[in-house]
Amino acid sequence: MAKGKDVRVRVILECNSCVRNGINKESRGISKYITQKNRHNTPNRLELRKFCPCCYKHTLHGEIKK
């Protein structure tokens, strides 16, 4: 039996500063992380501070659509 909607879903976090500054995507790419969130506890988009290897510092990473 398959569940209709799972409570925990997989989300992709992408660096907000790399996207805004228009980093060259061919050279190093944009920093992305994959994590999970609880749909009932956090219904809106998730934002976490993670390390970005392109920027060489901790920046905000926001949830993107798949």
PDB file of N, CA and C in Angstrom:
ATOM      1  N   MET A   1       0.840  -1.185   0.000  1.00  0.00           N
ATOM      2  CA  MET A   1       0.000   0.000   0.000  1.00  0.00           C
ATOM      3  C   MET A   1       0.883   1.245   0.000  1.00  0.00           C
ATOM      4  N   ALA A   2       0.621   2.096  -0.937  1.00  0.00           N
ATOM      5  CA  ALA A   2       1.379   3.344  -1.024  1.00  0.00           C
ATOM      6  C   ALA A   2       0.620   4.458  -0.317  1.00  0.00           C
ATOM      7  N   LYS A   3       1.370   5.316   0.332  1.00  0.00           N
ATOM      8  CA  LYS A   3       0.759   6.458   0.999  1.00  0.00           C
ATOM      9  C   LYS A   3       0.525   7.563  -0.017  1.00  0.00           C
ATOM     10  N   GLY A   4      -0.552   8.317   0.152  1.00  0.00           N
ATOM     11  CA  GLY A   4      -0.881   9.382  -0.793  1.00  0.00           C
ATOM     12  C   GLY A   4       0.104  10.535  -0.710  1.00  0.00           C
ATOM     13  N   LYS A   5       0.196  11.162   0.445  1.00  0.00           N
ATOM     14  CA  LYS A   5       1.128  12.271   0.634  1.00  0.00           C
ATOM     15  C   LYS A   5       1.960  12.000   1.870  1.00  0.00           C
ATOM     16  N   ASP A   6       3.257  11.877   1.680  1.00  0.00           N
ATOM     17  CA  ASP A   6       4.146  11.632   2.818  1.00  0.00           C
ATOM     18  C   ASP A   6       4.307  12.905   3.631  1.00  0.00           C
ATOM     19  N   VAL A   7       4.546  12.746   4.920  1.00  0.00           N
ATOM     20  CA  VAL A   7       4.742  13.893   5.793  1.00  0.00           C
ATOM     21  C   VAL A   7       6.115  14.505   5.551  1.00  0.00           C
ATOM     22  N   ARG A   8       7.134  13.653   5.418  1.00  0.00           N
ATOM     23  CA  ARG A   8       8.491  14.150   5.171  1.00  0.00           C
ATOM     24  C   ARG A   8       8.766  14.116   3.676  1.00  0.00           C
ATOM     25  N   VAL A   9       9.173  15.276   3.152  1.00  0.00           N
ATOM     26  CA  VAL A   9       9.449  15.376   1.720  1.00  0.00           C
ATOM     27  C   VAL A   9      10.889  15.818   1.510  1.00  0.00           C
ATOM     28  N   ARG A  10      11.466  15.443   0.386  1.00  0.00           N
ATOM     29  CA  ARG A  10      12.831  15.819   0.031  1.00  0.00           C
ATOM     30  C   ARG A  10      12.796  17.177  -0.669  1.00  0.00           C
ATOM     31  N   VAL A  11      13.669  18.093  -0.228  1.00  0.00           N
ATOM     32  CA  VAL A  11      13.742  19.426  -0.829  1.00  0.00           C
ATOM     33  C   VAL A  11      15.180  19.713  -1.258  1.00  0.00           C
ATOM     34  N   ILE A  12      15.337  20.620  -2.215  1.00  0.00           N
ATOM     35  CA  ILE A  12      16.653  21.030  -2.700  1.00  0.00           C
ATOM     36  C   ILE A  12      16.870  22.478  -2.288  1.00  0.00           C
ATOM     37  N   LEU A  13      18.000  22.748  -1.631  1.00  0.00           N
ATOM     38  CA  LEU A  13      18.362  24.098  -1.214  1.00  0.00           C
ATOM     39  C   LEU A  13      19.434  24.631  -2.146  1.00  0.00           C
ATOM     40  N   GLU A  14      19.265  25.877  -2.602  1.00  0.00           N
ATOM     41  CA  GLU A  14      20.196  26.483  -3.542  1.00  0.00           C
ATOM     42  C   GLU A  14      20.682  27.810  -2.973  1.00  0.00           C
ATOM     43  N   CYS A  15      21.953  28.121  -3.200  1.00  0.00           N
ATOM     44  CA  CYS A  15      22.559  29.339  -2.665  1.00  0.00           C
ATOM     45  C   CYS A  15      21.885  30.566  -3.267  1.00  0.00           C
ATOM     46  N   ASN A  16      21.415  31.475  -2.404  1.00  0.00           N
ATOM     47  CA  ASN A  16      20.733  32.675  -2.870  1.00  0.00           C
ATOM     48  C   ASN A  16      21.697  33.710  -3.424  1.00  0.00           C
ATOM     49  N   SER A  17      22.889  33.830  -2.865  1.00  0.00           N
ATOM     50  CA  SER A  17      23.822  34.858  -3.336  1.00  0.00           C
ATOM     51  C   SER A  17      24.422  34.494  -4.687  1.00  0.00           C
ATOM     52  N   CYS A  18      24.666  33.219  -4.955  1.00  0.00           N
ATOM     53  CA  CYS A  18      25.186  32.803  -6.267  1.00  0.00           C
ATOM     54  C   CYS A  18      24.160  33.048  -7.359  1.00  0.00           C
ATOM     55  N   VAL A  19      22.898  32.803  -7.045  1.00  0.00           N
ATOM     56  CA  VAL A  19      21.839  33.001  -8.036  1.00  0.00           C
ATOM     57  C   VAL A  19      21.694  34.486  -8.346  1.00  0.00           C
ATOM     58  N   ARG A  20      21.745  35.323  -7.328  1.00  0.00           N
ATOM     59  CA  ARG A  20      21.588  36.771  -7.533  1.00  0.00           C
ATOM     60  C   ARG A  20      22.768  37.377  -8.273  1.00  0.00           C
ATOM     61  N   ASN A  21      23.982  36.933  -7.943  1.00  0.00           N
ATOM     62  CA  ASN A  21      25.176  37.511  -8.558  1.00  0.00           C
ATOM     63  C   ASN A  21      25.446  36.958  -9.944  1.00  0.00           C
ATOM     64  N   GLY A  22      24.747  35.927 -10.352  1.00  0.00           N
ATOM     65  CA  GLY A  22      24.926  35.370 -11.686  1.00  0.00           C
ATOM     66  C   GLY A  22      26.275  34.704 -11.864  1.00  0.00           C
ATOM     67  N   ILE A  23      26.646  33.845 -10.931  1.00  0.00           N
ATOM     68  CA  ILE A  23      27.896  33.096 -11.031  1.00  0.00           C
ATOM     69  C   ILE A  23      27.872  32.275 -12.319  1.00  0.00           C
ATOM     70  N   ASN A  24      29.027  32.147 -12.965  1.00  0.00           N
ATOM     71  CA  ASN A  24      29.125  31.366 -14.191  1.00  0.00           C
ATOM     72  C   ASN A  24      28.812  29.907 -13.879  1.00  0.00           C
ATOM     73  N   LYS A  25      27.684  29.407 -14.383  1.00  0.00           N
ATOM     74  CA  LYS A  25      27.227  28.063 -14.038  1.00  0.00           C
ATOM     75  C   LYS A  25      28.105  26.978 -14.636  1.00  0.00           C
ATOM     76  N   GLU A  26      28.801  27.253 -15.739  1.00  0.00           N
ATOM     77  CA  GLU A  26      29.625  26.231 -16.374  1.00  0.00           C
ATOM     78  C   GLU A  26      30.897  25.958 -15.578  1.00  0.00           C
ATOM     79  N   SER A  27      31.447  26.973 -14.913  1.00  0.00           N
ATOM     80  CA  SER A  27      32.730  26.791 -14.248  1.00  0.00           C
ATOM     81  C   SER A  27      32.604  25.947 -12.977  1.00  0.00           C
ATOM     82  N   ARG A  28      31.887  26.429 -11.972  1.00  0.00           N
ATOM     83  CA  ARG A  28      31.797  25.687 -10.711  1.00  0.00           C
ATOM     84  C   ARG A  28      30.375  25.297 -10.375  1.00  0.00           C
ATOM     85  N   GLY A  29      29.410  25.989 -10.947  1.00  0.00           N
ATOM     86  CA  GLY A  29      28.015  25.687 -10.639  1.00  0.00           C
ATOM     87  C   GLY A  29      27.540  26.451  -9.428  1.00  0.00           C
ATOM     88  N   ILE A  30      26.325  26.212  -9.074  1.00  0.00           N
ATOM     89  CA  ILE A  30      25.709  26.843  -7.914  1.00  0.00           C
ATOM     90  C   ILE A  30      25.617  25.795  -6.818  1.00  0.00           C
ATOM     91  N   SER A  31      25.893  26.219  -5.605  1.00  0.00           N
ATOM     92  CA  SER A  31      25.887  25.309  -4.464  1.00  0.00           C
ATOM     93  C   SER A  31      24.463  24.818  -4.199  1.00  0.00           C
ATOM     94  N   LYS A  32      24.294  23.491  -4.148  1.00  0.00           N
ATOM     95  CA  LYS A  32      22.991  22.889  -3.874  1.00  0.00           C
ATOM     96  C   LYS A  32      23.136  21.825  -2.800  1.00  0.00           C
ATOM     97  N   TYR A  33      22.169  21.775  -1.907  1.00  0.00           N
ATOM     98  CA  TYR A  33      22.098  20.760  -0.862  1.00  0.00           C
ATOM     99  C   TYR A  33      20.752  20.068  -0.955  1.00  0.00           C
ATOM    100  N   ILE A  34      20.701  18.793  -0.608  1.00  0.00           N
ATOM    101  CA  ILE A  34      19.456  18.034  -0.559  1.00  0.00           C
ATOM    102  C   ILE A  34      19.195  17.683   0.895  1.00  0.00           C
ATOM    103  N   THR A  35      17.979  17.957   1.358  1.00  0.00           N
ATOM    104  CA  THR A  35      17.609  17.673   2.736  1.00  0.00           C
ATOM    105  C   THR A  35      16.135  17.284   2.782  1.00  0.00           C
ATOM    106  N   GLN A  36      15.622  17.036   3.973  1.00  0.00           N
ATOM    107  CA  GLN A  36      14.217  16.696   4.146  1.00  0.00           C
ATOM    108  C   GLN A  36      13.574  17.692   5.086  1.00  0.00           C
ATOM    109  N   LYS A  37      12.262  17.886   4.910  1.00  0.00           N
ATOM    110  CA  LYS A  37      11.526  18.731   5.841  1.00  0.00           C
ATOM    111  C   LYS A  37      10.184  18.085   6.133  1.00  0.00           C
ATOM    112  N   ASN A  38       9.615  18.426   7.263  1.00  0.00           N
ATOM    113  CA  ASN A  38       8.302  17.948   7.653  1.00  0.00           C
ATOM    114  C   ASN A  38       7.262  18.906   7.077  1.00  0.00           C
ATOM    115  N   ARG A  39       6.391  18.386   6.242  1.00  0.00           N
ATOM    116  CA  ARG A  39       5.422  19.231   5.550  1.00  0.00           C
ATOM    117  C   ARG A  39       4.434  19.883   6.507  1.00  0.00           C
ATOM    118  N   HIS A  40       4.089  19.207   7.604  1.00  0.00           N
ATOM    119  CA  HIS A  40       3.114  19.750   8.549  1.00  0.00           C
ATOM    120  C   HIS A  40       3.715  20.853   9.423  1.00  0.00           C
ATOM    121  N   ASN A  41       4.971  20.713   9.832  1.00  0.00           N
ATOM    122  CA  ASN A  41       5.600  21.701  10.708  1.00  0.00           C
ATOM    123  C   ASN A  41       6.076  22.939   9.954  1.00  0.00           C
ATOM    124  N   THR A  42       6.567  22.768   8.716  1.00  0.00           N
ATOM    125  CA  THR A  42       7.061  23.898   7.926  1.00  0.00           C
ATOM    126  C   THR A  42       6.401  23.893   6.551  1.00  0.00           C
ATOM    127  N   PRO A  43       5.176  24.440   6.450  1.00  0.00           N
ATOM    128  CA  PRO A  43       4.481  24.415   5.160  1.00  0.00           C
ATOM    129  C   PRO A  43       5.066  25.390   4.139  1.00  0.00           C
ATOM    130  N   ASN A  44       5.691  26.478   4.610  1.00  0.00           N
ATOM    131  CA  ASN A  44       6.268  27.447   3.669  1.00  0.00           C
ATOM    132  C   ASN A  44       7.700  27.052   3.313  1.00  0.00           C
ATOM    133  N   ARG A  45       8.317  27.826   2.445  1.00  0.00           N
ATOM    134  CA  ARG A  45       9.654  27.481   1.930  1.00  0.00           C
ATOM    135  C   ARG A  45      10.713  27.555   3.022  1.00  0.00           C
ATOM    136  N   LEU A  46      11.653  26.635   2.946  1.00  0.00           N
ATOM    137  CA  LEU A  46      12.708  26.499   3.942  1.00  0.00           C
ATOM    138  C   LEU A  46      13.925  27.320   3.529  1.00  0.00           C
ATOM    139  N   GLU A  47      14.552  27.998   4.488  1.00  0.00           N
ATOM    140  CA  GLU A  47      15.803  28.725   4.255  1.00  0.00           C
ATOM    141  C   GLU A  47      16.766  28.407   5.383  1.00  0.00           C
ATOM    142  N   LEU A  48      17.963  27.932   5.026  1.00  0.00           N
ATOM    143  CA  LEU A  48      18.986  27.583   6.019  1.00  0.00           C
ATOM    144  C   LEU A  48      20.305  28.219   5.631  1.00  0.00           C
ATOM    145  N   ARG A  49      21.143  28.496   6.645  1.00  0.00           N
ATOM    146  CA  ARG A  49      22.488  28.986   6.381  1.00  0.00           C
ATOM    147  C   ARG A  49      23.415  27.790   6.222  1.00  0.00           C
ATOM    148  N   LYS A  50      23.983  27.656   5.026  1.00  0.00           N
ATOM    149  CA  LYS A  50      24.881  26.549   4.713  1.00  0.00           C
ATOM    150  C   LYS A  50      26.153  27.119   4.101  1.00  0.00           C
ATOM    151  N   PHE A  51      27.212  26.309   4.061  1.00  0.00           N
ATOM    152  CA  PHE A  51      28.463  26.742   3.458  1.00  0.00           C
ATOM    153  C   PHE A  51      28.375  26.610   1.944  1.00  0.00           C
ATOM    154  N   CYS A  52      28.760  27.684   1.245  1.00  0.00           N
ATOM    155  CA  CYS A  52      28.778  27.684  -0.220  1.00  0.00           C
ATOM    156  C   CYS A  52      30.233  27.617  -0.677  1.00  0.00           C
ATOM    157  N   PRO A  53      30.641  26.542  -1.352  1.00  0.00           N
ATOM    158  CA  PRO A  53      32.028  26.439  -1.818  1.00  0.00           C
ATOM    159  C   PRO A  53      32.356  27.424  -2.932  1.00  0.00           C
ATOM    160  N   CYS A  54      31.349  27.949  -3.626  1.00  0.00           N
ATOM    161  CA  CYS A  54      31.597  28.944  -4.676  1.00  0.00           C
ATOM    162  C   CYS A  54      31.894  30.317  -4.075  1.00  0.00           C
ATOM    163  N   CYS A  55      31.176  30.676  -3.012  1.00  0.00           N
ATOM    164  CA  CYS A  55      31.360  31.978  -2.344  1.00  0.00           C
ATOM    165  C   CYS A  55      32.422  31.912  -1.247  1.00  0.00           C
ATOM    166  N   TYR A  56      32.777  30.718  -0.805  1.00  0.00           N
ATOM    167  CA  TYR A  56      33.735  30.490   0.291  1.00  0.00           C
ATOM    168  C   TYR A  56      33.265  31.099   1.610  1.00  0.00           C
ATOM    169  N   LYS A  57      31.949  31.058   1.868  1.00  0.00           N
ATOM    170  CA  LYS A  57      31.417  31.532   3.149  1.00  0.00           C
ATOM    171  C   LYS A  57      30.028  30.936   3.373  1.00  0.00           C
ATOM    172  N   HIS A  58      29.496  31.118   4.576  1.00  0.00           N
ATOM    173  CA  HIS A  58      28.161  30.646   4.899  1.00  0.00           C
ATOM    174  C   HIS A  58      27.146  31.651   4.368  1.00  0.00           C
ATOM    175  N   THR A  59      26.194  31.179   3.576  1.00  0.00           N
ATOM    176  CA  THR A  59      25.165  32.040   2.993  1.00  0.00           C
ATOM    177  C   THR A  59      23.805  31.384   3.166  1.00  0.00           C
ATOM    178  N   LEU A  60      22.747  32.142   2.879  1.00  0.00           N
ATOM    179  CA  LEU A  60      21.404  31.596   2.935  1.00  0.00           C
ATOM    180  C   LEU A  60      21.151  30.719   1.720  1.00  0.00           C
ATOM    181  N   HIS A  61      20.626  29.555   1.963  1.00  0.00           N
ATOM    182  CA  HIS A  61      20.234  28.635   0.904  1.00  0.00           C
ATOM    183  C   HIS A  61      18.721  28.467   0.985  1.00  0.00           C
ATOM    184  N   GLY A  62      18.011  28.751  -0.096  1.00  0.00           N
ATOM    185  CA  GLY A  62      16.572  28.675  -0.116  1.00  0.00           C
ATOM    186  C   GLY A  62      16.072  27.472  -0.887  1.00  0.00           C
ATOM    187  N   GLU A  63      14.875  27.061  -0.547  1.00  0.00           N
ATOM    188  CA  GLU A  63      14.265  25.903  -1.190  1.00  0.00           C
ATOM    189  C   GLU A  63      13.814  26.269  -2.606  1.00  0.00           C
ATOM    190  N   ILE A  64      14.071  25.360  -3.555  1.00  0.00           N
ATOM    191  CA  ILE A  64      13.645  25.569  -4.940  1.00  0.00           C
ATOM    192  C   ILE A  64      12.674  24.474  -5.342  1.00  0.00           C
ATOM    193  N   LYS A  65      11.938  24.712  -6.415  1.00  0.00           N
ATOM    194  CA  LYS A  65      11.042  23.688  -6.936  1.00  0.00           C
ATOM    195  C   LYS A  65      11.832  22.638  -7.671  1.00  0.00           C
ATOM    196  N   LYS A  66      11.346  21.432  -7.673  1.00  0.00           N
ATOM    197  CA  LYS A  66      12.008  20.332  -8.370  1.00  0.00           C
ATOM    198  C   LYS A  66      11.695  20.392  -9.838  1.00  0.00           C
TER     199      LYS A  66
END
